[in-house]
């Protein structure tokens, strides 16, 4: 394992390709790596599948990717803050898979842990259960929700050392840590990069073993 995982922005573009699945951290854009989102736009990548909590707004988070037509499918817990998503869904231009937020988190966790799925009562008796297997445990009905993984996870962190240990800033942590477990390639955009050993091990939120590349955020 290379100790220094920092790459230049010019090295990031070739890591993405058309048709890939992309997990992204963030909650209404907070904790989303907008620099990496910009690279996907600049590279003109298309037919992407996005997996994350929400679609933010038309001009924030992953919203610009959707507005510009780079995305064919989203797997998210809500779309209410981005009217463009609703319009594209109704027009048949975007496939939207709505997943209850807790279920989404557990499906990603299962993907990272190598589990076959999770049993949840959420959605039983609603449209959420359509097409899904069900199990009865101790007299209670559960849906069988399958794990989620992605080709790449793009994360946003406040600080990293050169080995890739990550520290997030408060609520910007959100989905980022579990996504680091559930993708074949993990790229983190960080505000500050320090030398190995400068981050107290007790402060590490995502360990370096889960991170493949780090890139220093562009200054606004």
Protein backbone atom coordinates (compact mmCIF):
# COMPACT_ATOMS: atom_id res chain seq x y z
CA UNK A 1 0.00 0.00 0.00
CA UNK A 2 1.43 3.36 -1.02
CA UNK A 3 1.80 5.61 2.01
CA UNK A 4 1.16 8.84 0.10
CA UNK A 5 -2.28 8.72 -1.52
CA UNK A 6 -2.50 12.36 -2.53
CA UNK A 7 -3.15 12.88 -6.25
CA UNK A 8 -3.45 15.98 -8.41
CA UNK A 9 -6.77 17.08 -9.88
CA UNK A 10 -5.44 16.15 -13.32
CA UNK A 11 -5.19 12.55 -12.13
CA UNK A 12 -8.81 12.36 -11.00
CA UNK A 13 -10.68 12.60 -14.31
CA UNK A 14 -9.38 9.31 -15.78
CA UNK A 15 -10.69 7.47 -12.71
CA UNK A 16 -14.28 8.05 -13.85
CA UNK A 17 -16.06 6.48 -16.82
CA UNK A 18 -19.48 6.42 -18.42
CA UNK A 19 -22.10 4.16 -16.88
CA UNK A 20 -20.45 3.80 -13.49
CA UNK A 21 -22.24 3.76 -10.14
CA UNK A 22 -21.21 6.56 -7.80
CA UNK A 23 -21.87 6.76 -4.07
CA UNK A 24 -21.63 10.29 -2.74
CA UNK A 25 -21.54 11.61 0.79
CA UNK A 26 -23.75 14.48 1.82
CA UNK A 27 -27.04 15.65 3.28
CA UNK A 28 -28.67 18.31 1.08
CA UNK A 29 -25.20 19.07 -0.23
CA UNK A 30 -23.46 19.31 3.16
CA UNK A 31 -20.61 16.81 3.11
CA UNK A 32 -20.74 16.37 -0.68
CA UNK A 33 -17.38 16.73 -2.50
CA UNK A 34 -18.37 19.39 -5.00
CA UNK A 35 -14.91 19.47 -6.57
CA UNK A 36 -15.21 15.80 -7.53
CA UNK A 37 -18.75 16.41 -8.76
CA UNK A 38 -17.34 19.18 -10.96
CA UNK A 39 -14.78 16.78 -12.43
CA UNK A 40 -17.55 14.37 -13.42
CA UNK A 41 -19.29 17.26 -15.19
CA UNK A 42 -16.12 18.54 -16.85
CA UNK A 43 -15.27 15.06 -18.11
CA UNK A 44 -18.76 14.75 -19.60
CA UNK A 45 -19.40 11.40 -17.94
CA UNK A 46 -22.89 10.12 -18.67
CA UNK A 47 -25.37 7.35 -17.80
CA UNK A 48 -24.27 7.54 -14.18
CA UNK A 49 -26.10 5.89 -11.29
CA UNK A 50 -25.92 8.03 -8.16
CA UNK A 51 -26.40 6.53 -4.69
CA UNK A 52 -26.77 8.88 -1.74
CA UNK A 53 -29.14 10.42 0.76
CA UNK A 54 -30.73 13.01 -1.54
CA UNK A 55 -30.36 15.01 -4.73
CA UNK A 56 -29.69 18.37 -2.97
CA UNK A 57 -30.72 21.35 -5.13
CA UNK A 58 -30.28 22.09 -8.84
CA UNK A 59 -27.05 24.05 -8.26
CA UNK A 60 -25.64 22.35 -5.15
CA UNK A 61 -24.32 18.91 -4.22
CA UNK A 62 -24.91 16.43 -7.04
CA UNK A 63 -27.72 18.59 -8.42
CA UNK A 64 -25.68 19.98 -11.33
CA UNK A 65 -24.94 16.46 -12.59
CA UNK A 66 -28.66 15.78 -12.77
CA UNK A 67 -29.56 19.16 -14.25
CA UNK A 68 -26.98 18.71 -17.02
CA UNK A 69 -28.19 15.22 -17.95
CA UNK A 70 -25.22 13.13 -16.80
CA UNK A 71 -27.35 10.80 -14.64
CA UNK A 72 -29.68 8.00 -15.69
CA UNK A 73 -30.66 6.73 -12.21
CA UNK A 74 -30.62 7.88 -8.59
CA UNK A 75 -31.01 5.73 -5.48
CA UNK A 76 -31.89 8.19 -2.72
CA UNK A 77 -34.14 8.73 0.29
CA UNK A 78 -35.76 11.94 -0.99
CA UNK A 79 -35.83 14.36 -3.92
CA UNK A 80 -38.03 17.11 -2.49
CA UNK A 81 -35.36 19.84 -2.45
CA UNK A 82 -34.58 19.47 -6.16
CA UNK A 83 -37.49 20.21 -8.52
CA UNK A 84 -35.42 19.25 -11.55
CA UNK A 85 -35.38 15.63 -10.38
CA UNK A 86 -39.17 15.51 -10.14
CA UNK A 87 -39.57 16.96 -13.61
CA UNK A 88 -37.09 14.54 -15.15
CA UNK A 89 -38.71 11.60 -13.35
CA UNK A 90 -42.19 12.52 -14.64
CA UNK A 91 -40.81 13.01 -18.15
CA UNK A 92 -39.21 9.56 -18.06
CA UNK A 93 -35.71 11.02 -18.34
CA UNK A 94 -34.50 9.83 -14.93
CA UNK A 95 -35.03 6.58 -13.04
CA UNK A 96 -35.67 7.37 -9.36
CA UNK A 97 -35.45 4.63 -6.72
CA UNK A 98 -36.71 6.06 -3.43
CA UNK A 99 -35.47 4.20 -0.36
CA UNK A 100 -36.36 5.02 3.27
CA UNK A 101 -33.36 6.76 4.81
CA UNK A 102 -32.60 4.19 7.52
CA UNK A 103 -32.99 1.37 5.02
CA UNK A 104 -30.63 3.13 2.62
CA UNK A 105 -27.97 3.41 5.32
CA UNK A 106 -28.35 -0.26 6.26
CA UNK A 107 -28.20 -1.43 2.65
CA UNK A 108 -24.93 0.47 2.18
CA UNK A 109 -23.59 -0.92 5.47
CA UNK A 110 -24.48 -4.45 4.30
CA UNK A 111 -22.68 -3.83 1.02
CA UNK A 112 -19.58 -2.81 2.91
CA UNK A 113 -19.73 -5.72 5.35
CA UNK A 114 -20.28 -8.39 2.71
CA UNK A 115 -23.71 -9.31 4.05
CA UNK A 116 -26.54 -10.66 1.92
CA UNK A 117 -29.07 -8.06 3.02
CA UNK A 118 -31.03 -6.69 5.94
CA UNK A 119 -34.47 -7.41 7.37
CA UNK A 120 -36.57 -4.32 8.09
CA UNK A 121 -40.23 -3.71 8.90
CA UNK A 122 -40.05 -0.29 7.23
CA UNK A 123 -42.29 -0.23 4.18
CA UNK A 124 -44.34 -3.35 4.92
CA UNK A 125 -47.86 -2.82 3.64
CA UNK A 126 -46.85 0.12 1.42
CA UNK A 127 -45.61 0.58 -2.16
CA UNK A 128 -42.09 0.11 -0.80
CA UNK A 129 -42.66 -3.64 -0.53
CA UNK A 130 -43.59 -4.12 -4.20
CA UNK A 131 -41.35 -6.71 -5.86
CA UNK A 132 -39.43 -7.51 -2.67
CA UNK A 133 -39.12 -10.74 -0.74
CA UNK A 134 -40.64 -10.88 2.73
CA UNK A 135 -39.85 -12.97 5.78
CA UNK A 136 -41.77 -13.61 8.97
CA UNK A 137 -39.66 -13.72 12.13
CA UNK A 138 -41.34 -14.40 15.47
CA UNK A 139 -44.67 -13.53 13.93
CA UNK A 140 -43.54 -10.17 12.51
CA UNK A 141 -43.20 -9.47 8.79
CA UNK A 142 -39.99 -7.98 7.42
CA UNK A 143 -38.84 -6.89 3.97
CA UNK A 144 -35.58 -8.35 2.67
CA UNK A 145 -33.54 -5.37 1.49
CA UNK A 146 -30.50 -6.16 -0.63
CA UNK A 147 -27.02 -4.66 -0.14
CA UNK A 148 -25.80 -1.66 -2.11
CA UNK A 149 -22.30 -1.22 -3.50
CA UNK A 150 -20.82 1.14 -6.08
CA UNK A 151 -17.93 1.35 -8.52
CA UNK A 152 -16.67 4.48 -6.77
CA UNK A 153 -17.43 6.47 -3.62
CA UNK A 154 -16.67 10.19 -3.56
CA UNK A 155 -16.29 11.58 -0.06
CA UNK A 156 -15.75 14.99 1.55
CA UNK A 157 -13.56 15.31 4.65
CA UNK A 158 -12.18 18.20 6.63
CA UNK A 159 -8.72 16.75 7.14
CA UNK A 160 -6.57 13.84 6.00
CA UNK A 161 -3.03 12.66 6.41
CA UNK A 162 -1.09 11.47 3.40
CA UNK A 163 -1.93 7.85 4.15
CA UNK A 164 -5.65 8.64 3.79
CA UNK A 165 -6.90 8.70 7.38
CA UNK A 166 -9.93 11.01 7.36
CA UNK A 167 -11.55 13.41 9.82
CA UNK A 168 -14.96 14.91 9.04
CA UNK A 169 -16.45 18.16 10.26
CA UNK A 170 -19.50 17.73 12.48
CA UNK A 171 -22.70 16.93 10.55
CA UNK A 172 -20.78 16.85 7.26
CA UNK A 173 -19.78 13.33 8.33
CA UNK A 174 -23.29 11.92 7.58
CA UNK A 175 -23.12 9.11 4.98
CA UNK A 176 -19.43 9.48 4.16
CA UNK A 177 -17.99 6.86 6.56
CA UNK A 178 -20.26 3.98 5.59
CA UNK A 179 -19.76 4.68 1.89
CA UNK A 180 -16.01 4.26 2.34
CA UNK A 181 -16.76 0.59 3.01
CA UNK A 182 -19.03 -0.06 0.06
CA UNK A 183 -17.20 0.92 -3.13
CA UNK A 184 -14.45 -0.56 -5.25
CA UNK A 185 -12.65 2.80 -5.43
CA UNK A 186 -12.79 5.46 -2.69
CA UNK A 187 -11.74 9.04 -3.43
CA UNK A 188 -11.79 11.73 -0.75
CA UNK A 189 -11.74 15.47 -1.36
CA UNK A 190 -10.26 17.12 1.72
CA UNK A 191 -9.76 20.68 2.94
CA UNK A 192 -6.38 20.01 4.55
CA UNK A 193 -3.66 17.39 4.15
CA UNK A 194 -1.12 16.83 6.94
CA UNK A 195 1.79 14.48 7.41
CA UNK A 196 1.34 10.93 8.64
CA UNK A 197 1.21 10.90 12.43
CA UNK A 198 -0.24 14.40 12.82
CA UNK A 199 -3.79 13.10 13.30
CA UNK A 200 -4.46 11.54 16.71
CA UNK A 201 -5.56 7.94 16.06
CA UNK A 202 -8.54 8.52 18.37
CA UNK A 203 -9.71 11.28 16.00
CA UNK A 204 -9.67 9.18 12.82
CA UNK A 205 -13.20 8.61 11.54
CA UNK A 206 -12.39 6.69 8.36
CA UNK A 207 -9.15 4.69 8.44
CA UNK A 208 -6.62 4.88 5.63
CA UNK A 209 -7.12 1.22 4.72
CA UNK A 210 -10.49 2.17 3.20
CA UNK A 211 -9.29 5.15 1.14
CA UNK A 212 -7.59 4.83 -2.24
CA UNK A 213 -7.03 8.46 -3.30
CA UNK A 214 -7.11 11.89 -1.64
CA UNK A 215 -7.20 15.25 -3.38
CA UNK A 216 -6.84 18.70 -1.86
CA UNK A 217 -9.98 20.78 -2.28
CA UNK A 218 -9.70 23.67 -4.71
CA UNK A 219 -9.77 27.08 -3.10
CA UNK A 220 -12.96 29.02 -3.78
